[in-house]
Amino acid sequence: MATYIKPLLFAVGGAHLDRRGQSTVPFVPGASNPGIMREEAGGGVFNALRLAVQRGISADILSVRGADPAGDAVALAMELASIKDSSVVFMDRPTPSYTAILDENGDVVAAIADMALYELALPKQLRRRKVRDAISSANAIFCDANLPPEGLKRLAELAGSLPIFALAISPAKSIRLRPVFPELACLFMNRREALALSDLEQDASLTQIHAALRDQGLRSAIITNGGNAALAFNSDNVFTIQPPEVPGIADVTGAGDAVAGGTIAALMRGEPFEQACREGMAASLLTLQVHSASPKFSQHEFDQALACIPAANPLA
């Protein structure tokens, strides 16, 4: 019997410390709100990668961090997730961090991303022979917009014919991805990021967003919008999927990353695009129900979540 070899996803991007403070009462801006603080290793690429590994993909990550307790926590999380750690550690720099304040419903009220090290150091790491060798061994590439434009361009050049998946991260950083739109196999973003990329007004329709992004050369994307219908398209299809209602959302952090991880894993296993999108949304559903941006779940739990995701509807 032939041995199954898991496809390898090589990722470049954020792996840092996530700090989240959540109010336990209705949130009042400008006031002290009683609540709970939580910390865990996170980052857009890293969250998605841990999800993808649970769904049958092997992974290798290139990130940068400091030689501090936060960096140690990130390294341990990579080891526990069975992800190869090709990151670089800087003795004189702090590990990047993301600090968010959530209201009582788990929605983000404000957030600060302290990630200067990514800007400074990530593009330089792409010049290493070790990185080029890792890319040549991979089946696909995954990155986020924590990479500055020169790093994204260099990564696209190194990838060659390999599919490149990307995560928009934020409205401010998402515009870095425009120059590499034609090279992307799929871009994962939310509606705010899609509007920033398409230069459309807040009331733009899904049809307008799709047309604007396609006109810029983007071939495939999934655009989430909270509890509203997600828009997905590739070269063959454009459709929406309505996410199920989630009773008692614990925390929205990582929900979009989970869509990316679940979808990428399914595509790399050979699933059709529509099914892959449904698997990504099932992973997001599981993430919304826990206080972790990277939950662990059984196959049975995933199957139950997937059964809650409706079939796609063609965009009118």
Protein backbone atom coordinates (compact mmCIF):
# COMPACT_ATOMS: atom_id res chain seq x y z
CA MET A 1 0.00 0.00 0.00
CA ALA A 2 1.39 3.42 -0.99
CA THR A 3 2.20 5.83 1.82
CA TYR A 4 0.20 9.07 1.74
CA ILE A 5 2.44 12.14 1.78
CA LYS A 6 0.78 15.26 3.10
CA PRO A 7 1.09 18.31 0.85
CA LEU A 8 3.48 20.94 2.25
CA LEU A 9 2.46 24.56 2.74
CA PHE A 10 5.32 27.05 3.22
CA ALA A 11 4.17 30.19 5.02
CA VAL A 12 5.72 33.62 5.49
CA GLY A 13 4.23 36.16 7.87
CA GLY A 14 2.92 36.88 11.32
CA ALA A 15 3.59 34.67 14.35
CA HIS A 16 3.52 36.74 17.51
CA LEU A 17 1.83 37.26 20.86
CA ASP A 18 -1.90 38.01 20.91
CA ARG A 19 -3.26 39.91 23.92
CA ARG A 20 -7.02 40.29 24.17
CA GLY A 21 -8.99 42.06 26.85
CA GLN A 22 -12.73 41.38 26.82
CA SER A 23 -15.31 43.36 28.75
CA THR A 24 -17.69 41.30 30.87
CA VAL A 25 -20.29 44.09 30.91
CA PRO A 26 -21.71 46.28 28.13
CA PHE A 27 -18.64 48.14 26.89
CA VAL A 28 -18.42 51.87 27.67
CA PRO A 29 -15.87 53.80 25.54
CA GLY A 30 -13.51 56.05 27.45
CA ALA A 31 -14.17 54.29 30.75
CA SER A 32 -12.69 51.47 32.81
CA ASN A 33 -14.57 48.28 31.99
CA PRO A 34 -14.34 45.11 34.11
CA GLY A 35 -13.20 42.18 32.04
CA ILE A 36 -10.76 39.35 31.38
CA MET A 37 -7.29 39.43 29.79
CA ARG A 38 -6.03 36.50 27.71
CA GLU A 39 -2.73 35.82 25.97
CA GLU A 40 -1.75 33.24 23.38
CA ALA A 41 0.58 32.83 20.44
CA GLY A 42 -1.16 34.11 17.33
CA GLY A 43 -0.74 35.97 14.06
CA GLY A 44 -2.77 35.70 10.87
CA VAL A 45 -0.56 33.24 9.01
CA PHE A 46 0.22 31.22 12.14
CA ASN A 47 -3.44 30.90 13.18
CA ALA A 48 -4.42 29.76 9.69
CA LEU A 49 -1.47 27.39 9.48
CA ARG A 50 -2.36 25.60 12.73
CA LEU A 51 -5.86 25.09 11.38
CA ALA A 52 -4.55 23.75 8.06
CA VAL A 53 -2.33 21.23 9.86
CA GLN A 54 -5.38 19.86 11.67
CA ARG A 55 -7.00 19.38 8.27
CA GLY A 56 -4.28 17.20 6.79
CA ILE A 57 -1.55 19.57 5.61
CA SER A 58 2.10 19.70 6.69
CA ALA A 59 3.55 23.14 7.26
CA ASP A 60 6.73 25.17 7.49
CA ILE A 61 6.75 28.81 8.63
CA LEU A 62 9.19 31.69 8.20
CA SER A 63 8.61 34.51 10.65
CA VAL A 64 10.75 36.76 12.85
CA ARG A 65 10.63 37.25 16.62
CA GLY A 66 12.65 38.42 19.59
CA ALA A 67 14.63 36.46 22.16
CA ASP A 68 12.10 37.14 24.92
CA PRO A 69 9.33 35.26 26.78
CA ALA A 70 6.81 36.13 24.06
CA GLY A 71 9.12 34.66 21.44
CA ASP A 72 9.58 31.53 23.55
CA ALA A 73 5.79 31.15 23.74
CA VAL A 74 5.53 31.40 19.94
CA ALA A 75 8.27 28.81 19.46
CA LEU A 76 6.56 26.40 21.86
CA ALA A 77 3.21 26.88 20.08
CA MET A 78 4.84 26.00 16.75
CA GLU A 79 6.34 22.86 18.24
CA LEU A 80 3.03 21.79 19.78
CA ALA A 81 1.28 22.36 16.44
CA SER A 82 3.82 20.17 14.59
CA ILE A 83 4.83 23.07 12.35
CA LYS A 84 8.44 23.31 11.18
CA ASP A 85 9.91 26.53 12.53
CA SER A 86 12.16 28.27 10.00
CA SER A 87 11.89 31.61 11.78
CA VAL A 88 14.72 33.95 12.70
CA VAL A 89 15.25 35.13 16.29
CA PHE A 90 16.71 38.59 17.00
CA MET A 91 18.49 39.02 20.33
CA ASP A 92 17.99 42.80 20.44
CA ARG A 93 14.38 43.11 19.29
CA PRO A 94 11.05 42.44 21.01
CA THR A 95 8.62 39.91 19.55
CA PRO A 96 5.80 41.61 17.63
CA SER A 97 2.41 41.71 19.34
CA TYR A 98 -1.27 42.34 18.73
CA THR A 99 -3.39 43.83 21.51
CA ALA A 100 -7.17 44.01 21.13
CA ILE A 101 -10.05 45.22 23.27
CA LEU A 102 -13.28 43.28 22.78
CA ASP A 103 -16.77 44.17 23.88
CA GLU A 104 -19.02 41.81 25.82
CA ASN A 105 -20.09 40.12 22.57
CA GLY A 106 -16.53 39.33 21.48
CA ASP A 107 -16.35 42.03 18.78
CA VAL A 108 -13.22 44.15 18.44
CA VAL A 109 -13.60 47.69 19.80
CA ALA A 110 -9.98 48.76 19.26
CA ALA A 111 -6.66 47.10 18.50
CA ILE A 112 -2.97 47.95 18.24
CA ALA A 113 -0.54 45.96 16.09
CA ASP A 114 3.09 46.44 17.21
CA MET A 115 4.83 44.74 14.28
CA ALA A 116 7.77 46.87 13.20
CA LEU A 117 10.06 43.84 13.19
CA TYR A 118 8.14 42.32 10.29
CA GLU A 119 8.70 45.48 8.25
CA LEU A 120 12.38 45.60 9.09
CA ALA A 121 13.42 41.97 8.87
CA LEU A 122 11.05 39.71 6.94
CA PRO A 123 11.98 40.82 3.40
CA LYS A 124 15.68 40.27 4.14
CA GLN A 125 15.03 36.68 5.20
CA LEU A 126 13.72 35.85 1.74
CA ARG A 127 17.27 36.21 0.40
CA ARG A 128 18.48 33.20 2.37
CA ARG A 129 19.35 30.02 0.49
CA LYS A 130 17.51 28.02 3.15
CA VAL A 131 14.29 29.85 2.28
CA ARG A 132 14.69 29.24 -1.44
CA ASP A 133 15.24 25.54 -0.73
CA ALA A 134 12.14 25.40 1.47
CA ILE A 135 10.02 27.00 -1.25
CA SER A 136 11.31 24.55 -3.85
CA SER A 137 10.14 21.68 -1.60
CA ALA A 138 6.65 23.10 -1.01
CA ASN A 139 3.38 22.46 -2.83
CA ALA A 140 2.00 25.94 -2.15
CA ILE A 141 2.93 29.27 -0.56
CA PHE A 142 0.96 31.25 2.02
CA CYS A 143 1.65 34.81 3.13
CA ASP A 144 0.01 37.75 4.82
CA ALA A 145 0.18 41.51 4.34
CA ASN A 146 2.54 41.87 7.30
CA LEU A 147 5.14 41.52 4.54
CA PRO A 148 5.94 44.93 3.05
CA PRO A 149 5.53 45.37 -0.74
CA GLU A 150 9.12 44.49 -1.61
CA GLY A 151 8.82 41.26 0.37
CA LEU A 152 5.58 40.28 -1.34
CA LYS A 153 7.12 40.92 -4.75
CA ARG A 154 10.19 38.87 -3.89
CA LEU A 155 8.07 36.00 -2.56
CA ALA A 156 6.01 35.95 -5.75
CA GLU A 157 9.21 35.71 -7.78
CA LEU A 158 10.55 32.86 -5.65
CA ALA A 159 7.25 30.96 -5.84
CA GLY A 160 7.41 30.60 -9.59
CA SER A 161 4.48 28.41 -10.67
CA LEU A 162 3.45 27.42 -7.13
CA PRO A 163 0.02 28.64 -5.99
CA ILE A 164 0.23 31.58 -3.59
CA PHE A 165 -2.47 32.12 -0.97
CA ALA A 166 -2.63 35.42 0.90
CA LEU A 167 -4.33 36.94 3.93
CA ALA A 168 -5.20 40.65 3.85
CA ILE A 169 -4.68 41.24 7.64
CA SER A 170 -6.16 44.77 7.82
CA PRO A 171 -7.59 47.54 5.61
CA ALA A 172 -4.37 49.55 6.02
CA LYS A 173 -2.03 46.69 5.07
CA SER A 174 -4.24 45.01 2.47
CA ILE A 175 -3.34 47.50 -0.27
CA ARG A 176 0.21 46.11 -0.27
CA LEU A 177 -1.17 43.08 -2.09
CA ARG A 178 -2.41 44.93 -5.17
CA PRO A 179 0.83 44.60 -7.19
CA VAL A 180 0.81 40.81 -6.77
CA PHE A 181 -2.91 40.27 -7.49
CA PRO A 182 -2.21 38.39 -10.76
CA GLU A 183 0.08 35.93 -8.93
CA LEU A 184 -2.39 35.03 -6.17
CA ALA A 185 -4.29 31.73 -6.21
CA CYS A 186 -6.73 33.10 -3.61
CA LEU A 187 -6.92 36.13 -1.32
CA PHE A 188 -8.75 35.96 2.03
CA MET A 189 -10.20 39.18 3.42
CA ASN A 190 -13.20 40.75 5.13
CA ARG A 191 -15.54 43.35 3.68
CA ARG A 192 -13.62 46.32 5.13
CA GLU A 193 -10.42 45.08 3.50
CA ALA A 194 -12.23 44.41 0.22
CA LEU A 195 -13.57 47.97 0.16
CA ALA A 196 -10.08 49.34 0.82
CA LEU A 197 -8.71 47.30 -2.07
CA SER A 198 -11.53 48.12 -4.48
CA ASP A 199 -11.81 51.87 -3.64
CA LEU A 200 -15.56 51.55 -3.26
CA GLU A 201 -17.98 53.20 -0.83
CA GLN A 202 -19.38 51.45 2.23
CA ASP A 203 -22.71 50.72 0.53
CA ALA A 204 -21.13 48.95 -2.47
CA SER A 205 -22.87 45.75 -3.56
CA LEU A 206 -21.20 42.36 -3.75
CA THR A 207 -21.46 42.55 -7.54
CA GLN A 208 -19.58 45.86 -7.55
CA ILE A 209 -16.89 44.54 -5.22
CA HIS A 210 -16.41 41.44 -7.35
CA ALA A 211 -16.17 43.45 -10.56
CA ALA A 212 -13.71 45.95 -9.08
CA LEU A 213 -11.37 43.29 -7.75
CA ARG A 214 -11.48 41.26 -10.96
CA ASP A 215 -10.70 44.40 -12.97
CA GLN A 216 -7.53 44.79 -10.86
CA GLY A 217 -6.39 41.29 -11.81
CA LEU A 218 -7.47 39.31 -8.74
CA ARG A 219 -8.49 35.84 -9.93
CA SER A 220 -9.90 34.34 -6.74
CA ALA A 221 -10.97 35.49 -3.29
CA ILE A 222 -13.15 34.85 -0.28
CA ILE A 223 -14.66 37.93 1.36
CA THR A 224 -16.30 37.44 4.76
CA ASN A 225 -18.72 39.88 6.36
CA GLY A 226 -19.50 38.77 9.90
CA GLY A 227 -22.90 37.13 10.04
CA ASN A 228 -23.77 38.29 6.52
CA ALA A 229 -23.20 36.31 3.34
CA ALA A 230 -19.60 35.70 2.31
CA LEU A 231 -18.63 36.31 -1.31
CA ALA A 232 -16.33 33.83 -3.05
CA PHE A 233 -15.08 33.70 -6.61
CA ASN A 234 -12.51 32.06 -8.85
CA SER A 235 -12.07 31.91 -12.61
CA ASP A 236 -15.12 29.66 -13.00
CA ASN A 237 -17.63 30.66 -10.32
CA VAL A 238 -18.85 33.56 -8.23
CA PHE A 239 -21.19 32.76 -5.36
CA THR A 240 -22.25 33.58 -1.82
CA ILE A 241 -22.47 31.39 1.27
CA GLN A 242 -24.60 32.46 4.21
CA PRO A 243 -22.88 31.59 7.51
CA PRO A 244 -25.13 30.01 10.12
CA GLU A 245 -26.16 31.93 13.20
CA VAL A 246 -23.68 31.42 16.04
CA PRO A 247 -25.36 31.48 19.44
CA GLY A 248 -23.11 33.05 22.06
CA ILE A 249 -20.04 34.11 20.06
CA ALA A 250 -17.07 33.88 22.41
CA ASP A 251 -14.46 35.84 20.44
CA VAL A 252 -14.18 36.92 16.79
CA THR A 253 -10.36 36.86 16.83
CA GLY A 254 -9.00 34.35 14.34
CA ALA A 255 -12.31 33.65 12.60
CA GLY A 256 -11.05 35.01 9.28
CA ASP A 257 -7.74 33.19 9.70
CA ALA A 258 -9.70 29.97 10.17
CA VAL A 259 -11.53 30.53 6.87
CA ALA A 260 -8.15 30.77 5.17
CA GLY A 261 -6.66 27.72 6.89
CA GLY A 262 -9.64 25.49 6.27
CA THR A 263 -10.04 26.55 2.66
CA ILE A 264 -6.36 26.23 1.78
CA ALA A 265 -6.11 22.77 3.35
CA ALA A 266 -9.14 21.56 1.38
CA LEU A 267 -7.81 22.98 -1.89
CA MET A 268 -4.42 21.36 -1.33
CA ARG A 269 -6.16 18.03 -0.70
CA GLY A 270 -7.87 18.40 -4.07
CA GLU A 271 -11.35 19.54 -3.04
CA PRO A 272 -13.37 21.72 -5.46
CA PHE A 273 -13.42 25.44 -4.71
CA GLU A 274 -17.01 25.54 -3.43
CA GLN A 275 -16.44 22.64 -1.03
CA ALA A 276 -13.16 24.18 0.12
CA CYS A 277 -14.96 27.45 0.93
CA ARG A 278 -17.54 25.55 2.99
CA GLU A 279 -14.76 23.82 4.91
CA GLY A 280 -13.15 27.18 5.62
CA MET A 281 -16.42 28.54 6.97
CA ALA A 282 -16.89 25.43 9.13
CA ALA A 283 -13.46 26.08 10.66
CA SER A 284 -14.49 29.68 11.30
CA LEU A 285 -17.70 28.54 12.98
CA LEU A 286 -15.70 26.41 15.42
CA THR A 287 -13.32 29.30 16.11
CA LEU A 288 -16.10 31.75 16.95
CA GLN A 289 -17.34 29.49 19.72
CA VAL A 290 -14.14 29.44 21.82
CA HIS A 291 -11.77 31.92 23.45
CA SER A 292 -8.87 30.96 21.18
CA ALA A 293 -7.81 32.10 17.74
CA SER A 294 -6.65 28.55 16.97
CA PRO A 295 -8.97 25.95 18.51
CA LYS A 296 -8.39 22.21 18.47
CA PHE A 297 -11.28 20.02 17.35
CA SER A 298 -12.03 16.43 16.47
CA GLN A 299 -13.07 15.14 13.05
CA HIS A 300 -16.56 14.60 14.44
CA GLU A 301 -16.78 18.21 15.64
CA PHE A 302 -15.61 19.45 12.26
CA ASP A 303 -18.14 17.28 10.43
CA GLN A 304 -20.90 18.67 12.64
CA ALA A 305 -19.82 22.24 11.87
CA LEU A 306 -19.58 21.51 8.14
CA ALA A 307 -23.13 20.15 8.15
CA CYS A 308 -24.27 23.59 9.35
CA ILE A 309 -22.75 25.41 6.35
CA PRO A 310 -25.30 25.77 3.54
CA ALA A 311 -24.63 25.20 -0.14
CA ALA A 312 -23.38 28.09 -2.23
CA ASN A 313 -25.75 30.40 -4.11
CA PRO A 314 -24.66 31.90 -7.46
CA LEU A 315 -24.24 35.67 -7.20
CA ALA A 316 -27.22 37.31 -8.84
